[in-house]
């Protein structure tokens, strides 16, 4: 599974960091970004929860 954060949609609310701060971090501009595009094994459920929890839909699963 791969994820990315659409920087144009992110509002920097930090919900994704609350779900798993090992998958997401805040960049210098104050917006979330995926620490690694490829989600580590065993963290897929957290990534899916972050996708579902993002209020702007900025977190996307990519092929």
Protein backbone atom coordinates (compact mmCIF):
# COMPACT_ATOMS: atom_id res chain seq x y z
CA UNK A 1 0.00 0.00 0.00
CA UNK A 2 1.20 3.49 -0.86
CA UNK A 3 -0.15 6.83 0.37
CA UNK A 4 0.47 10.48 -0.32
CA UNK A 5 -0.88 13.76 0.99
CA UNK A 6 -2.28 16.22 -1.55
CA UNK A 7 -0.62 19.44 -0.43
CA UNK A 8 -3.27 21.55 -2.20
CA UNK A 9 -6.03 19.94 -0.09
CA UNK A 10 -4.24 19.61 3.27
CA UNK A 11 -5.17 22.18 5.92
CA UNK A 12 -2.57 21.02 8.47
CA UNK A 13 -5.09 19.93 11.09
CA UNK A 14 -2.94 17.00 12.26
CA UNK A 15 -5.65 14.35 12.43
CA UNK A 16 -3.41 11.93 10.52
CA UNK A 17 -0.58 12.43 13.01
CA UNK A 18 -3.05 11.64 15.76
CA UNK A 19 -3.83 8.37 14.02
CA UNK A 20 -0.16 7.42 13.50
CA UNK A 21 2.78 9.80 13.84
CA UNK A 22 5.08 7.15 12.39
CA UNK A 23 3.28 7.40 9.04
CA UNK A 24 2.80 11.18 8.79
CA UNK A 25 4.68 14.31 9.78
CA UNK A 26 4.23 18.04 9.41
CA UNK A 27 6.49 19.76 6.88
CA UNK A 28 8.06 23.21 7.23
CA UNK A 29 4.99 24.81 5.65
CA UNK A 30 2.73 23.31 8.35
CA UNK A 31 1.10 20.66 6.20
CA UNK A 32 1.09 16.92 6.59
CA UNK A 33 3.18 14.62 4.46
CA UNK A 34 3.73 10.89 4.37
CA UNK A 35 7.02 9.94 5.99
CA UNK A 36 7.37 7.08 3.50
CA UNK A 37 5.21 6.63 0.43
CA UNK A 38 5.15 2.87 1.05
CA UNK A 39 3.23 2.06 4.22
CA UNK A 40 5.19 -0.36 6.42
CA UNK A 41 3.76 -3.82 6.88
CA UNK A 42 1.30 -3.90 9.76
CA UNK A 43 0.44 -0.19 9.43
CA UNK A 44 -2.11 -0.54 6.63
CA UNK A 45 -5.11 -0.24 8.97
CA UNK A 46 -3.72 2.98 10.43
CA UNK A 47 -3.14 4.37 6.94
CA UNK A 48 -6.72 3.54 5.96
CA UNK A 49 -8.00 5.16 9.16
CA UNK A 50 -6.01 8.31 8.37
CA UNK A 51 -7.46 8.36 4.84
CA UNK A 52 -10.98 8.03 6.24
CA UNK A 53 -10.38 10.56 9.03
CA UNK A 54 -8.88 13.37 6.96
CA UNK A 55 -11.50 16.16 6.91
CA UNK A 56 -10.46 17.38 3.47
CA UNK A 57 -9.74 14.03 1.83
CA UNK A 58 -6.12 15.08 1.29
CA UNK A 59 -4.66 11.66 2.06
CA UNK A 60 -4.83 9.37 -0.93
CA UNK A 61 -3.98 5.75 -1.56
CA UNK A 62 -1.89 5.51 -4.71
CA UNK A 63 -1.22 2.58 -7.02
